[in-house]
Amino acid sequence: MLGFESNEDEDALHSVKFIEDVPMIMIVEIGRTEMEVQEILNLKKGNLVVFEKIVGEPMCIVVGDRLMARGEIVVVNERYGVRISEVTRPEEKIGERRE
C-alpha cells in the first residue's frame, strides 16, 4: 500500500509524540575526583579541587542516567553552555572511551 503508514509506524510515532514534552534532567559532567571524608570536611573557601580532565577534553552529557553525548564547555553571553561534538551509541557507558 503506497502512501499509507502501517499501524506499527503510527503507533511508534504516537509513542514518541506522547513523551516529547516530559521534562528530563540533563547533566554535563566536568570532572570527578575521589576524596576522603576528612578532606571534604576540611574544604574552605578558596581551596582548589583538581579534576583529571584537561582543557578541551570532551565532557559527558547524561540524560536520565544514560550517556547521550559528549561535548565541550563554551561561554555564551557570560553563561556556560555545551557544544555537542559527538552523539554516543546506546550501549556506551559513562567514562568509556571510543577507540
C-alpha atoms as a PDB file:
ATOM      1  CA  MET A   1       0.000   0.000   0.000  1.00  0.00           C
ATOM      2  CA  LEU A   2       1.706   3.135  -1.210  1.00  0.00           C
ATOM      3  CA  GLY A   3       1.149   6.407   0.557  1.00  0.00           C
ATOM      4  CA  PHE A   4      -0.165   4.867   3.778  1.00  0.00           C
ATOM      5  CA  GLU A   5       1.716   4.331   7.027  1.00  0.00           C
ATOM      6  CA  SER A   6       1.326   0.979   8.734  1.00  0.00           C
ATOM      7  CA  ASN A   7      -0.316   0.771  12.150  1.00  0.00           C
ATOM      8  CA  GLU A   8       3.118  -0.027  13.641  1.00  0.00           C
ATOM      9  CA  ASP A   9       4.569   3.215  12.232  1.00  0.00           C
ATOM     10  CA  GLU A  10       1.616   5.216  13.554  1.00  0.00           C
ATOM     11  CA  ASP A  11       1.919   3.573  16.995  1.00  0.00           C
ATOM     12  CA  ALA A  12       5.656   4.327  17.173  1.00  0.00           C
ATOM     13  CA  LEU A  13       5.089   7.961  16.150  1.00  0.00           C
ATOM     14  CA  HIS A  14       2.289   8.303  18.713  1.00  0.00           C
ATOM     15  CA  SER A  15       4.547   6.846  21.446  1.00  0.00           C
ATOM     16  CA  VAL A  16       7.344   9.316  20.681  1.00  0.00           C
ATOM     17  CA  LYS A  17       4.974  12.300  20.459  1.00  0.00           C
ATOM     18  CA  PHE A  18       3.383  11.242  23.751  1.00  0.00           C
ATOM     19  CA  ILE A  19       6.679  11.600  25.676  1.00  0.00           C
ATOM     20  CA  GLU A  20       8.214  14.602  23.844  1.00  0.00           C
ATOM     21  CA  ASP A  21       7.125  17.096  26.498  1.00  0.00           C
ATOM     22  CA  VAL A  22       8.232  15.031  29.517  1.00  0.00           C
ATOM     23  CA  PRO A  23      10.847  17.020  31.464  1.00  0.00           C
ATOM     24  CA  MET A  24      14.217  15.319  31.987  1.00  0.00           C
ATOM     25  CA  ILE A  25      17.375  16.408  33.773  1.00  0.00           C
ATOM     26  CA  MET A  26      20.497  16.872  31.653  1.00  0.00           C
ATOM     27  CA  ILE A  27      23.832  16.620  33.458  1.00  0.00           C
ATOM     28  CA  VAL A  28      27.155  17.708  31.986  1.00  0.00           C
ATOM     29  CA  GLU A  29      29.998  16.142  33.888  1.00  0.00           C
ATOM     30  CA  ILE A  30      33.013  18.419  34.031  1.00  0.00           C
ATOM     31  CA  GLY A  31      35.043  16.016  36.132  1.00  0.00           C
ATOM     32  CA  ARG A  32      35.203  13.552  39.013  1.00  0.00           C
ATOM     33  CA  THR A  33      37.634  13.098  41.816  1.00  0.00           C
ATOM     34  CA  GLU A  34      37.862  10.840  44.816  1.00  0.00           C
ATOM     35  CA  MET A  35      38.365  12.403  48.240  1.00  0.00           C
ATOM     36  CA  GLU A  36      38.282  11.113  51.782  1.00  0.00           C
ATOM     37  CA  VAL A  37      35.529  12.406  54.063  1.00  0.00           C
ATOM     38  CA  GLN A  38      38.113  14.253  56.197  1.00  0.00           C
ATOM     39  CA  GLU A  39      39.406  16.097  53.104  1.00  0.00           C
ATOM     40  CA  ILE A  40      35.866  17.168  52.184  1.00  0.00           C
ATOM     41  CA  LEU A  41      35.161  18.350  55.739  1.00  0.00           C
ATOM     42  CA  ASN A  42      38.351  20.437  55.657  1.00  0.00           C
ATOM     43  CA  LEU A  43      37.437  22.310  52.449  1.00  0.00           C
ATOM     44  CA  LYS A  44      37.356  26.067  52.878  1.00  0.00           C
ATOM     45  CA  LYS A  45      36.537  28.990  50.620  1.00  0.00           C
ATOM     46  CA  GLY A  46      39.372  29.410  48.136  1.00  0.00           C
ATOM     47  CA  ASN A  47      40.529  25.764  48.231  1.00  0.00           C
ATOM     48  CA  LEU A  48      41.221  24.167  44.876  1.00  0.00           C
ATOM     49  CA  VAL A  49      39.783  20.764  43.906  1.00  0.00           C
ATOM     50  CA  VAL A  50      41.677  19.258  40.969  1.00  0.00           C
ATOM     51  CA  PHE A  51      39.954  17.035  38.418  1.00  0.00           C
ATOM     52  CA  GLU A  52      41.522  14.602  35.970  1.00  0.00           C
ATOM     53  CA  LYS A  53      40.084  16.199  32.831  1.00  0.00           C
ATOM     54  CA  ILE A  54      42.162  18.655  30.855  1.00  0.00           C
ATOM     55  CA  VAL A  55      41.012  21.759  28.982  1.00  0.00           C
ATOM     56  CA  GLY A  56      39.456  20.819  25.656  1.00  0.00           C
ATOM     57  CA  GLU A  57      38.730  17.212  26.652  1.00  0.00           C
ATOM     58  CA  PRO A  58      35.147  16.103  25.878  1.00  0.00           C
ATOM     59  CA  MET A  59      32.604  16.363  28.699  1.00  0.00           C
ATOM     60  CA  CYS A  60      29.934  13.691  29.249  1.00  0.00           C
ATOM     61  CA  ILE A  61      26.302  14.689  28.664  1.00  0.00           C
ATOM     62  CA  VAL A  62      23.970  12.462  30.677  1.00  0.00           C
ATOM     63  CA  VAL A  63      20.173  12.387  30.393  1.00  0.00           C
ATOM     64  CA  GLY A  64      18.155  10.138  32.676  1.00  0.00           C
ATOM     65  CA  ASP A  65      21.259   8.255  33.896  1.00  0.00           C
ATOM     66  CA  ARG A  66      22.259   7.410  30.299  1.00  0.00           C
ATOM     67  CA  LEU A  67      25.252   8.738  28.433  1.00  0.00           C
ATOM     68  CA  MET A  68      23.753  10.546  25.431  1.00  0.00           C
ATOM     69  CA  ALA A  69      26.595  12.626  24.005  1.00  0.00           C
ATOM     70  CA  ARG A  70      29.910  14.321  24.577  1.00  0.00           C
ATOM     71  CA  GLY A  71      30.674  17.969  24.107  1.00  0.00           C
ATOM     72  CA  GLU A  72      32.851  20.854  25.097  1.00  0.00           C
ATOM     73  CA  ILE A  73      32.155  23.672  27.524  1.00  0.00           C
ATOM     74  CA  VAL A  74      31.573  27.044  25.853  1.00  0.00           C
ATOM     75  CA  VAL A  75      30.680  30.514  27.137  1.00  0.00           C
ATOM     76  CA  VAL A  76      27.679  32.230  25.536  1.00  0.00           C
ATOM     77  CA  ASN A  77      26.633  35.697  26.747  1.00  0.00           C
ATOM     78  CA  GLU A  78      28.510  35.236  30.031  1.00  0.00           C
ATOM     79  CA  ARG A  79      26.807  31.871  30.665  1.00  0.00           C
ATOM     80  CA  TYR A  80      28.180  28.376  30.316  1.00  0.00           C
ATOM     81  CA  GLY A  81      26.874  26.027  27.659  1.00  0.00           C
ATOM     82  CA  VAL A  82      27.838  22.796  25.948  1.00  0.00           C
ATOM     83  CA  ARG A  83      28.603  22.389  22.260  1.00  0.00           C
ATOM     84  CA  ILE A  84      27.756  18.777  21.349  1.00  0.00           C
ATOM     85  CA  SER A  85      30.602  17.198  19.435  1.00  0.00           C
ATOM     86  CA  GLU A  86      29.621  13.521  19.489  1.00  0.00           C
ATOM     87  CA  VAL A  87      26.421  11.529  19.972  1.00  0.00           C
ATOM     88  CA  THR A  88      27.157   8.239  21.705  1.00  0.00           C
ATOM     89  CA  ARG A  89      25.993   4.711  20.966  1.00  0.00           C
ATOM     90  CA  PRO A  90      23.144   3.385  23.155  1.00  0.00           C
ATOM     91  CA  GLU A  91      25.372   0.717  24.736  1.00  0.00           C
ATOM     92  CA  GLU A  92      28.212   3.145  25.554  1.00  0.00           C
ATOM     93  CA  LYS A  93      28.759   3.792  29.274  1.00  0.00           C
ATOM     94  CA  ILE A  94      29.776   6.941  31.155  1.00  0.00           C
ATOM     95  CA  GLY A  95      33.556   7.242  31.275  1.00  0.00           C
ATOM     96  CA  GLU A  96      34.067   4.751  28.434  1.00  0.00           C
ATOM     97  CA  ARG A  97      36.384   5.857  25.636  1.00  0.00           C
ATOM     98  CA  ARG A  98      35.877   5.250  21.923  1.00  0.00           C
ATOM     99  CA  GLU A  99      38.892   3.892  20.092  1.00  0.00           C
END
